[in-house]
């Protein structure tokens, strides 16, 4: 079972409440951190952003790891020349974007209300289903979240963001095989999707399948060489395999890239390896 701490938008709170976002379309929003050019170029241009949500897994050694969630943010431009027939679509986007704003402030009930209003206007608005699912997941209502992702996928069976987020909901429920199945579906659609390899690696760690986890983190790093969280969690997988030298190598690389390794993990690695660094 995974416990999670989540904060979107301005980075506040304790050290376990760090979240970083990468906009894949539109200008940089106030309070959001860019993940980096490589990430932007590697993800397709559907529009939106992905979030690295911190989770703590109770698995042999308590330690912070992260899974990546995807939230869709639609940029709404001037509607002065919008045809009358598109007015309701524009209204739905307004609700979607306001829902995103509420979610960024941890006001998930208000966000859910706005996403629901968007869906009342456009019942086939897959981005609203996806984002409402994330709001439910942030409240720990994973079954409701999965229901919304299912609705989005019924409309568009190739909607990668919903597969990713549904996989993460399964992961948080301890349904690791279901999570892996969803990440596999992503990779059948888009074989170089680093996020899916990374999240599948997290699921393999949860199943104590460390070789598979290391393979997936390595594939994510082939696609995104600066993916610091992949180095950090590959280092953790090496630690769990008792390959301490490789673990240190990845820990150092993750730290060089700005990834914060939990002090308790460093202490455990020092003790197990007999090294200080």
C-alpha atoms as a PDB file:
ATOM      1  CA  UNK A   1       0.000   0.000   0.000  1.00  0.00           C
ATOM      2  CA  UNK A   2       1.312   3.455  -0.854  1.00  0.00           C
ATOM      3  CA  UNK A   3       0.937   6.539   1.255  1.00  0.00           C
ATOM      4  CA  UNK A   4       1.234   9.807  -0.599  1.00  0.00           C
ATOM      5  CA  UNK A   5       1.923  13.476  -0.112  1.00  0.00           C
ATOM      6  CA  UNK A   6       0.917  15.782  -2.940  1.00  0.00           C
ATOM      7  CA  UNK A   7       1.267  19.459  -3.619  1.00  0.00           C
ATOM      8  CA  UNK A   8       0.667  21.174  -6.972  1.00  0.00           C
ATOM      9  CA  UNK A   9       1.607  24.699  -7.916  1.00  0.00           C
ATOM     10  CA  UNK A  10       3.712  26.825  -5.606  1.00  0.00           C
ATOM     11  CA  UNK A  11       6.210  24.650  -3.762  1.00  0.00           C
ATOM     12  CA  UNK A  12       5.371  24.877  -0.083  1.00  0.00           C
ATOM     13  CA  UNK A  13       5.226  22.591   2.933  1.00  0.00           C
ATOM     14  CA  UNK A  14       7.723  20.155   4.380  1.00  0.00           C
ATOM     15  CA  UNK A  15      10.525  18.346   2.535  1.00  0.00           C
ATOM     16  CA  UNK A  16       8.251  15.423   1.669  1.00  0.00           C
ATOM     17  CA  UNK A  17       5.816  17.681  -0.153  1.00  0.00           C
ATOM     18  CA  UNK A  18       7.930  18.510  -3.199  1.00  0.00           C
ATOM     19  CA  UNK A  19       6.302  18.358  -6.608  1.00  0.00           C
ATOM     20  CA  UNK A  20       7.585  19.504  -9.982  1.00  0.00           C
ATOM     21  CA  UNK A  21       5.549  20.070 -13.104  1.00  0.00           C
ATOM     22  CA  UNK A  22       6.434  20.297 -16.755  1.00  0.00           C
ATOM     23  CA  UNK A  23       4.207  22.199 -19.143  1.00  0.00           C
ATOM     24  CA  UNK A  24       4.093  20.581 -22.544  1.00  0.00           C
ATOM     25  CA  UNK A  25       2.060  23.310 -24.210  1.00  0.00           C
ATOM     26  CA  UNK A  26       1.454  26.975 -23.660  1.00  0.00           C
ATOM     27  CA  UNK A  27       3.377  29.552 -21.593  1.00  0.00           C
ATOM     28  CA  UNK A  28       4.890  28.830 -18.216  1.00  0.00           C
ATOM     29  CA  UNK A  29       2.331  29.326 -15.448  1.00  0.00           C
ATOM     30  CA  UNK A  30       3.129  31.186 -12.254  1.00  0.00           C
ATOM     31  CA  UNK A  31       4.357  28.907  -9.515  1.00  0.00           C
ATOM     32  CA  UNK A  32       5.137  25.954 -11.787  1.00  0.00           C
ATOM     33  CA  UNK A  33       8.600  24.483 -12.263  1.00  0.00           C
ATOM     34  CA  UNK A  34       9.758  23.300 -15.663  1.00  0.00           C
ATOM     35  CA  UNK A  35      11.061  19.743 -15.726  1.00  0.00           C
ATOM     36  CA  UNK A  36      13.460  20.501 -18.570  1.00  0.00           C
ATOM     37  CA  UNK A  37      13.782  20.721 -22.335  1.00  0.00           C
ATOM     38  CA  UNK A  38      14.505  17.024 -22.787  1.00  0.00           C
ATOM     39  CA  UNK A  39      11.247  16.092 -21.101  1.00  0.00           C
ATOM     40  CA  UNK A  40       9.291  18.588 -23.156  1.00  0.00           C
ATOM     41  CA  UNK A  41      10.738  17.267 -26.402  1.00  0.00           C
ATOM     42  CA  UNK A  42      10.219  13.614 -25.513  1.00  0.00           C
ATOM     43  CA  UNK A  43       6.502  13.781 -24.710  1.00  0.00           C
ATOM     44  CA  UNK A  44       4.023  14.155 -27.560  1.00  0.00           C
ATOM     45  CA  UNK A  45       2.208  17.437 -28.108  1.00  0.00           C
ATOM     46  CA  UNK A  46      -1.285  16.628 -26.828  1.00  0.00           C
ATOM     47  CA  UNK A  47      -1.048  19.528 -24.432  1.00  0.00           C
ATOM     48  CA  UNK A  48      -0.909  19.376 -20.669  1.00  0.00           C
ATOM     49  CA  UNK A  49       1.718  18.712 -18.058  1.00  0.00           C
ATOM     50  CA  UNK A  50       3.024  15.878 -15.994  1.00  0.00           C
ATOM     51  CA  UNK A  51       3.444  15.827 -12.266  1.00  0.00           C
ATOM     52  CA  UNK A  52       5.912  13.934 -10.175  1.00  0.00           C
ATOM     53  CA  UNK A  53       3.966  12.986  -7.087  1.00  0.00           C
ATOM     54  CA  UNK A  54       5.875  11.837  -4.034  1.00  0.00           C
ATOM     55  CA  UNK A  55       4.800   8.588  -2.454  1.00  0.00           C
ATOM     56  CA  UNK A  56       6.229   6.632   0.441  1.00  0.00           C
ATOM     57  CA  UNK A  57       6.306   2.882  -0.006  1.00  0.00           C
ATOM     58  CA  UNK A  58       6.417   0.540   2.989  1.00  0.00           C
ATOM     59  CA  UNK A  59       8.730  -1.986   1.406  1.00  0.00           C
ATOM     60  CA  UNK A  60      11.684  -3.259   3.467  1.00  0.00           C
ATOM     61  CA  UNK A  61      13.109   0.255   3.824  1.00  0.00           C
ATOM     62  CA  UNK A  62      10.861   3.254   4.290  1.00  0.00           C
ATOM     63  CA  UNK A  63      11.909   5.663   1.582  1.00  0.00           C
ATOM     64  CA  UNK A  64      10.480   8.348  -0.670  1.00  0.00           C
ATOM     65  CA  UNK A  65       9.909   7.366  -4.276  1.00  0.00           C
ATOM     66  CA  UNK A  66       7.871   9.047  -6.940  1.00  0.00           C
ATOM     67  CA  UNK A  67       5.369   8.164  -9.595  1.00  0.00           C
ATOM     68  CA  UNK A  68       4.456  10.483 -12.410  1.00  0.00           C
ATOM     69  CA  UNK A  69       0.895  11.605 -12.960  1.00  0.00           C
ATOM     70  CA  UNK A  70      -0.421  13.516 -15.919  1.00  0.00           C
ATOM     71  CA  UNK A  71      -2.895  16.367 -15.616  1.00  0.00           C
ATOM     72  CA  UNK A  72      -4.285  18.164 -18.650  1.00  0.00           C
ATOM     73  CA  UNK A  73      -4.257  21.945 -18.739  1.00  0.00           C
ATOM     74  CA  UNK A  74      -6.022  23.512 -21.732  1.00  0.00           C
ATOM     75  CA  UNK A  75      -4.863  26.997 -22.672  1.00  0.00           C
ATOM     76  CA  UNK A  76      -7.872  29.202 -23.439  1.00  0.00           C
ATOM     77  CA  UNK A  77      -7.162  32.006 -25.889  1.00  0.00           C
ATOM     78  CA  UNK A  78      -9.348  34.968 -26.783  1.00  0.00           C
ATOM     79  CA  UNK A  79     -12.877  33.943 -27.688  1.00  0.00           C
ATOM     80  CA  UNK A  80     -13.711  37.203 -29.447  1.00  0.00           C
ATOM     81  CA  UNK A  81     -13.845  35.456 -32.821  1.00  0.00           C
ATOM     82  CA  UNK A  82     -15.168  32.109 -31.553  1.00  0.00           C
ATOM     83  CA  UNK A  83     -18.131  30.957 -33.674  1.00  0.00           C
ATOM     84  CA  UNK A  84     -21.409  30.681 -31.821  1.00  0.00           C
ATOM     85  CA  UNK A  85     -21.352  26.929 -32.268  1.00  0.00           C
ATOM     86  CA  UNK A  86     -18.114  26.723 -30.258  1.00  0.00           C
ATOM     87  CA  UNK A  87     -19.317  28.822 -27.350  1.00  0.00           C
ATOM     88  CA  UNK A  88     -20.281  25.892 -25.139  1.00  0.00           C
ATOM     89  CA  UNK A  89     -16.969  24.216 -25.878  1.00  0.00           C
ATOM     90  CA  UNK A  90     -15.224  27.377 -24.697  1.00  0.00           C
ATOM     91  CA  UNK A  91     -17.352  27.383 -21.538  1.00  0.00           C
ATOM     92  CA  UNK A  92     -16.314  23.807 -20.846  1.00  0.00           C
ATOM     93  CA  UNK A  93     -12.650  24.817 -21.183  1.00  0.00           C
ATOM     94  CA  UNK A  94     -13.181  27.623 -18.692  1.00  0.00           C
ATOM     95  CA  UNK A  95     -14.513  25.115 -16.149  1.00  0.00           C
ATOM     96  CA  UNK A  96     -11.620  22.743 -16.932  1.00  0.00           C
ATOM     97  CA  UNK A  97      -9.033  25.452 -16.359  1.00  0.00           C
ATOM     98  CA  UNK A  98     -10.695  26.738 -13.204  1.00  0.00           C
ATOM     99  CA  UNK A  99     -10.845  23.170 -11.953  1.00  0.00           C
ATOM    100  CA  UNK A 100      -7.126  22.897 -12.572  1.00  0.00           C
ATOM    101  CA  UNK A 101      -6.606  26.110 -10.587  1.00  0.00           C
ATOM    102  CA  UNK A 102      -8.585  24.751  -7.642  1.00  0.00           C
ATOM    103  CA  UNK A 103      -6.625  21.489  -7.771  1.00  0.00           C
ATOM    104  CA  UNK A 104      -3.383  23.482  -7.725  1.00  0.00           C
ATOM    105  CA  UNK A 105      -4.550  24.940  -4.411  1.00  0.00           C
ATOM    106  CA  UNK A 106      -5.498  21.518  -3.016  1.00  0.00           C
ATOM    107  CA  UNK A 107      -9.166  22.496  -3.216  1.00  0.00           C
ATOM    108  CA  UNK A 108     -10.187  19.175  -4.682  1.00  0.00           C
ATOM    109  CA  UNK A 109     -13.911  19.347  -3.990  1.00  0.00           C
ATOM    110  CA  UNK A 110     -14.130  22.642  -5.868  1.00  0.00           C
ATOM    111  CA  UNK A 111     -12.022  21.168  -8.670  1.00  0.00           C
ATOM    112  CA  UNK A 112     -14.295  18.138  -8.925  1.00  0.00           C
ATOM    113  CA  UNK A 113     -17.318  20.443  -9.090  1.00  0.00           C
ATOM    114  CA  UNK A 114     -15.825  22.392 -11.993  1.00  0.00           C
ATOM    115  CA  UNK A 115     -14.744  19.296 -13.907  1.00  0.00           C
ATOM    116  CA  UNK A 116     -18.272  17.943 -13.441  1.00  0.00           C
ATOM    117  CA  UNK A 117     -19.719  21.172 -14.861  1.00  0.00           C
ATOM    118  CA  UNK A 118     -17.401  20.858 -17.855  1.00  0.00           C
ATOM    119  CA  UNK A 119     -18.711  17.323 -18.389  1.00  0.00           C
ATOM    120  CA  UNK A 120     -22.314  18.477 -18.136  1.00  0.00           C
ATOM    121  CA  UNK A 121     -21.573  20.781 -21.067  1.00  0.00           C
ATOM    122  CA  UNK A 122     -19.530  18.216 -22.985  1.00  0.00           C
ATOM    123  CA  UNK A 123     -20.065  14.612 -21.821  1.00  0.00           C
ATOM    124  CA  UNK A 124     -17.213  13.450 -24.078  1.00  0.00           C
ATOM    125  CA  UNK A 125     -14.600  15.813 -22.630  1.00  0.00           C
ATOM    126  CA  UNK A 126     -11.859  13.279 -21.917  1.00  0.00           C
ATOM    127  CA  UNK A 127      -9.506  15.831 -20.347  1.00  0.00           C
ATOM    128  CA  UNK A 128     -12.188  16.651 -17.758  1.00  0.00           C
ATOM    129  CA  UNK A 129     -12.585  12.952 -16.911  1.00  0.00           C
ATOM    130  CA  UNK A 130      -8.807  12.633 -16.576  1.00  0.00           C
ATOM    131  CA  UNK A 131      -8.439  15.679 -14.339  1.00  0.00           C
ATOM    132  CA  UNK A 132     -11.459  14.794 -12.203  1.00  0.00           C
ATOM    133  CA  UNK A 133      -9.925  11.374 -11.772  1.00  0.00           C
ATOM    134  CA  UNK A 134      -6.737  12.997 -10.491  1.00  0.00           C
ATOM    135  CA  UNK A 135      -8.737  15.127  -8.059  1.00  0.00           C
ATOM    136  CA  UNK A 136     -10.473  12.004  -6.741  1.00  0.00           C
ATOM    137  CA  UNK A 137      -7.102  10.254  -6.443  1.00  0.00           C
ATOM    138  CA  UNK A 138      -5.726  13.209  -4.486  1.00  0.00           C
ATOM    139  CA  UNK A 139      -8.563  12.656  -2.001  1.00  0.00           C
ATOM    140  CA  UNK A 140      -7.717   8.963  -1.765  1.00  0.00           C
ATOM    141  CA  UNK A 141     -10.869   7.997  -3.690  1.00  0.00           C
ATOM    142  CA  UNK A 142      -9.090   5.663  -6.077  1.00  0.00           C
ATOM    143  CA  UNK A 143     -12.162   3.741  -7.211  1.00  0.00           C
ATOM    144  CA  UNK A 144     -13.839   6.981  -8.287  1.00  0.00           C
ATOM    145  CA  UNK A 145     -10.622   7.992 -10.026  1.00  0.00           C
ATOM    146  CA  UNK A 146     -10.416   4.688 -11.893  1.00  0.00           C
ATOM    147  CA  UNK A 147     -14.060   5.063 -12.945  1.00  0.00           C
ATOM    148  CA  UNK A 148     -13.277   8.438 -14.526  1.00  0.00           C
ATOM    149  CA  UNK A 149     -10.182   7.137 -16.293  1.00  0.00           C
ATOM    150  CA  UNK A 150     -12.284   4.254 -17.627  1.00  0.00           C
ATOM    151  CA  UNK A 151     -14.795   6.732 -19.051  1.00  0.00           C
ATOM    152  CA  UNK A 152     -12.045   8.684 -20.770  1.00  0.00           C
ATOM    153  CA  UNK A 153     -10.590   5.491 -22.238  1.00  0.00           C
ATOM    154  CA  UNK A 154     -13.986   4.326 -23.464  1.00  0.00           C
ATOM    155  CA  UNK A 155     -14.156   7.511 -25.540  1.00  0.00           C
ATOM    156  CA  UNK A 156     -10.520   7.324 -26.656  1.00  0.00           C
ATOM    157  CA  UNK A 157      -8.824   3.918 -26.163  1.00  0.00           C
ATOM    158  CA  UNK A 158      -5.450   5.473 -27.088  1.00  0.00           C
ATOM    159  CA  UNK A 159      -5.531   8.189 -24.414  1.00  0.00           C
ATOM    160  CA  UNK A 160      -2.109   7.691 -22.851  1.00  0.00           C
ATOM    161  CA  UNK A 161      -2.600  10.116 -19.968  1.00  0.00           C
ATOM    162  CA  UNK A 162      -5.587   8.158 -18.649  1.00  0.00           C
ATOM    163  CA  UNK A 163      -3.710   4.847 -18.851  1.00  0.00           C
ATOM    164  CA  UNK A 164      -0.846   6.382 -16.903  1.00  0.00           C
ATOM    165  CA  UNK A 165      -3.037   7.843 -14.194  1.00  0.00           C
ATOM    166  CA  UNK A 166      -5.188   4.728 -13.926  1.00  0.00           C
ATOM    167  CA  UNK A 167      -2.002   2.726 -13.520  1.00  0.00           C
ATOM    168  CA  UNK A 168      -0.955   5.001 -10.681  1.00  0.00           C
ATOM    169  CA  UNK A 169      -4.359   4.616  -9.008  1.00  0.00           C
ATOM    170  CA  UNK A 170      -3.955   0.831  -9.172  1.00  0.00           C
ATOM    171  CA  UNK A 171      -0.440   1.250  -7.767  1.00  0.00           C
ATOM    172  CA  UNK A 172      -1.770   3.200  -4.803  1.00  0.00           C
ATOM    173  CA  UNK A 173      -4.340   0.455  -4.183  1.00  0.00           C
ATOM    174  CA  UNK A 174      -1.606  -2.168  -4.146  1.00  0.00           C
ATOM    175  CA  UNK A 175      -2.873  -3.638  -7.442  1.00  0.00           C
ATOM    176  CA  UNK A 176       0.586  -3.856  -8.951  1.00  0.00           C
ATOM    177  CA  UNK A 177      -0.210  -6.220 -11.818  1.00  0.00           C
ATOM    178  CA  UNK A 178      -3.082  -3.980 -12.943  1.00  0.00           C
ATOM    179  CA  UNK A 179      -0.756  -0.986 -12.775  1.00  0.00           C
ATOM    180  CA  UNK A 180       1.868  -2.757 -14.872  1.00  0.00           C
ATOM    181  CA  UNK A 181      -0.822  -3.735 -17.385  1.00  0.00           C
ATOM    182  CA  UNK A 182      -1.757  -0.078 -17.863  1.00  0.00           C
ATOM    183  CA  UNK A 183       1.863   1.007 -18.320  1.00  0.00           C
ATOM    184  CA  UNK A 184       2.284  -1.824 -20.853  1.00  0.00           C
ATOM    185  CA  UNK A 185      -0.675  -0.465 -22.824  1.00  0.00           C
ATOM    186  CA  UNK A 186       1.001   2.913 -23.017  1.00  0.00           C
ATOM    187  CA  UNK A 187       4.191   1.398 -24.394  1.00  0.00           C
ATOM    188  CA  UNK A 188       2.266  -0.476 -27.086  1.00  0.00           C
ATOM    189  CA  UNK A 189       0.949   2.900 -28.261  1.00  0.00           C
ATOM    190  CA  UNK A 190       4.125   4.920 -27.749  1.00  0.00           C
ATOM    191  CA  UNK A 191       7.238   2.822 -27.232  1.00  0.00           C
ATOM    192  CA  UNK A 192       9.520   5.696 -26.181  1.00  0.00           C
ATOM    193  CA  UNK A 193       7.305   7.061 -23.425  1.00  0.00           C
ATOM    194  CA  UNK A 194       9.780   7.513 -20.567  1.00  0.00           C
ATOM    195  CA  UNK A 195       7.090   8.147 -17.964  1.00  0.00           C
ATOM    196  CA  UNK A 196       5.582   4.682 -18.520  1.00  0.00           C
ATOM    197  CA  UNK A 197       8.944   2.950 -18.118  1.00  0.00           C
ATOM    198  CA  UNK A 198       9.607   4.928 -14.956  1.00  0.00           C
ATOM    199  CA  UNK A 199       6.227   4.236 -13.361  1.00  0.00           C
ATOM    200  CA  UNK A 200       6.402   0.567 -14.324  1.00  0.00           C
ATOM    201  CA  UNK A 201       9.792   0.450 -12.606  1.00  0.00           C
ATOM    202  CA  UNK A 202       8.150   1.750  -9.431  1.00  0.00           C
ATOM    203  CA  UNK A 203       5.548  -1.023  -9.685  1.00  0.00           C
ATOM    204  CA  UNK A 204       8.269  -3.655 -10.123  1.00  0.00           C
ATOM    205  CA  UNK A 205      10.030  -2.397  -6.991  1.00  0.00           C
ATOM    206  CA  UNK A 206       6.733  -2.838  -5.144  1.00  0.00           C
ATOM    207  CA  UNK A 207       6.674  -6.457  -6.355  1.00  0.00           C
ATOM    208  CA  UNK A 208      10.318  -6.999  -5.287  1.00  0.00           C
ATOM    209  CA  UNK A 209      11.237  -7.567  -8.956  1.00  0.00           C
ATOM    210  CA  UNK A 210      14.366  -5.461  -8.854  1.00  0.00           C
ATOM    211  CA  UNK A 211      15.975  -6.591 -12.122  1.00  0.00           C
ATOM    212  CA  UNK A 212      12.849  -5.586 -14.051  1.00  0.00           C
ATOM    213  CA  UNK A 213      12.742  -2.280 -12.179  1.00  0.00           C
ATOM    214  CA  UNK A 214      16.390  -1.548 -13.020  1.00  0.00           C
ATOM    215  CA  UNK A 215      15.732  -2.384 -16.674  1.00  0.00           C
ATOM    216  CA  UNK A 216      12.789   0.018 -16.810  1.00  0.00           C
ATOM    217  CA  UNK A 217      14.603   2.877 -15.091  1.00  0.00           C
ATOM    218  CA  UNK A 218      17.489   2.337 -17.520  1.00  0.00           C
ATOM    219  CA  UNK A 219      15.111   2.536 -20.488  1.00  0.00           C
ATOM    220  CA  UNK A 220      13.620   5.746 -19.109  1.00  0.00           C
ATOM    221  CA  UNK A 221      17.146   7.159 -18.840  1.00  0.00           C
ATOM    222  CA  UNK A 222      17.948   6.187 -22.426  1.00  0.00           C
ATOM    223  CA  UNK A 223      15.027   8.368 -23.497  1.00  0.00           C
ATOM    224  CA  UNK A 224      15.553  11.136 -20.913  1.00  0.00           C
ATOM    225  CA  UNK A 225      19.229  11.158 -19.847  1.00  0.00           C
ATOM    226  CA  UNK A 226      18.573  13.912 -17.295  1.00  0.00           C
ATOM    227  CA  UNK A 227      15.722  12.074 -15.553  1.00  0.00           C
ATOM    228  CA  UNK A 228      17.044  12.458 -12.012  1.00  0.00           C
ATOM    229  CA  UNK A 229      14.233  10.538 -10.277  1.00  0.00           C
ATOM    230  CA  UNK A 230      15.016   7.505 -12.441  1.00  0.00           C
ATOM    231  CA  UNK A 231      18.615   7.590 -11.215  1.00  0.00           C
ATOM    232  CA  UNK A 232      17.419   7.892  -7.624  1.00  0.00           C
ATOM    233  CA  UNK A 233      15.024   4.978  -7.806  1.00  0.00           C
ATOM    234  CA  UNK A 234      17.376   2.800  -9.840  1.00  0.00           C
ATOM    235  CA  UNK A 235      19.861   3.404  -7.050  1.00  0.00           C
ATOM    236  CA  UNK A 236      17.263   2.189  -4.590  1.00  0.00           C
ATOM    237  CA  UNK A 237      16.658  -0.946  -6.652  1.00  0.00           C
ATOM    238  CA  UNK A 238      20.393  -1.639  -6.707  1.00  0.00           C
ATOM    239  CA  UNK A 239      20.457  -1.169  -2.921  1.00  0.00           C
ATOM    240  CA  UNK A 240      17.682  -3.734  -2.504  1.00  0.00           C
ATOM    241  CA  UNK A 241      19.748  -6.138  -4.647  1.00  0.00           C
ATOM    242  CA  UNK A 242      22.726  -5.462  -2.331  1.00  0.00           C
ATOM    243  CA  UNK A 243      24.682  -4.014  -5.251  1.00  0.00           C
ATOM    244  CA  UNK A 244      25.893  -1.097  -3.191  1.00  0.00           C
ATOM    245  CA  UNK A 245      28.561   0.248  -5.542  1.00  0.00           C
ATOM    246  CA  UNK A 246      26.001   0.655  -8.352  1.00  0.00           C
ATOM    247  CA  UNK A 247      23.580   2.152  -5.840  1.00  0.00           C
ATOM    248  CA  UNK A 248      26.154   4.782  -4.842  1.00  0.00           C
ATOM    249  CA  UNK A 249      26.827   5.591  -8.503  1.00  0.00           C
ATOM    250  CA  UNK A 250      23.151   6.297  -9.146  1.00  0.00           C
ATOM    251  CA  UNK A 251      22.665   8.179  -5.895  1.00  0.00           C
ATOM    252  CA  UNK A 252      25.569  10.496  -6.762  1.00  0.00           C
ATOM    253  CA  UNK A 253      24.225  11.084 -10.272  1.00  0.00           C
ATOM    254  CA  UNK A 254      20.731  11.816  -8.943  1.00  0.00           C
ATOM    255  CA  UNK A 255      22.147  14.286  -6.421  1.00  0.00           C
ATOM    256  CA  UNK A 256      24.239  16.002  -9.101  1.00  0.00           C
ATOM    257  CA  UNK A 257      21.018  16.514 -11.064  1.00  0.00           C
ATOM    258  CA  UNK A 258      19.262  17.992  -8.030  1.00  0.00           C
ATOM    259  CA  UNK A 259      17.268  14.985  -6.846  1.00  0.00           C
ATOM    260  CA  UNK A 260      16.865  14.905  -3.056  1.00  0.00           C
ATOM    261  CA  UNK A 261      17.729  11.496  -1.673  1.00  0.00           C
ATOM    262  CA  UNK A 262      16.103  10.907   1.755  1.00  0.00           C
ATOM    263  CA  UNK A 263      18.722  11.076   4.542  1.00  0.00           C
ATOM    264  CA  UNK A 264      17.503   7.796   6.032  1.00  0.00           C
ATOM    265  CA  UNK A 265      18.260   6.053   2.738  1.00  0.00           C
ATOM    266  CA  UNK A 266      21.770   7.508   2.633  1.00  0.00           C
ATOM    267  CA  UNK A 267      22.339   6.366   6.215  1.00  0.00           C
ATOM    268  CA  UNK A 268      21.141   2.834   5.377  1.00  0.00           C
ATOM    269  CA  UNK A 269      23.354   2.726   2.280  1.00  0.00           C
ATOM    270  CA  UNK A 270      26.396   3.854   4.254  1.00  0.00           C
ATOM    271  CA  UNK A 271      25.780   1.195   6.877  1.00  0.00           C
ATOM    272  CA  UNK A 272      25.195  -1.586   4.335  1.00  0.00           C
ATOM    273  CA  UNK A 273      28.102  -0.659   2.066  1.00  0.00           C
ATOM    274  CA  UNK A 274      30.668   0.330   4.695  1.00  0.00           C
ATOM    275  CA  UNK A 275      31.252   3.497   2.666  1.00  0.00           C
ATOM    276  CA  UNK A 276      30.567   7.127   3.443  1.00  0.00           C
ATOM    277  CA  UNK A 277      29.948   8.093  -0.157  1.00  0.00           C
END
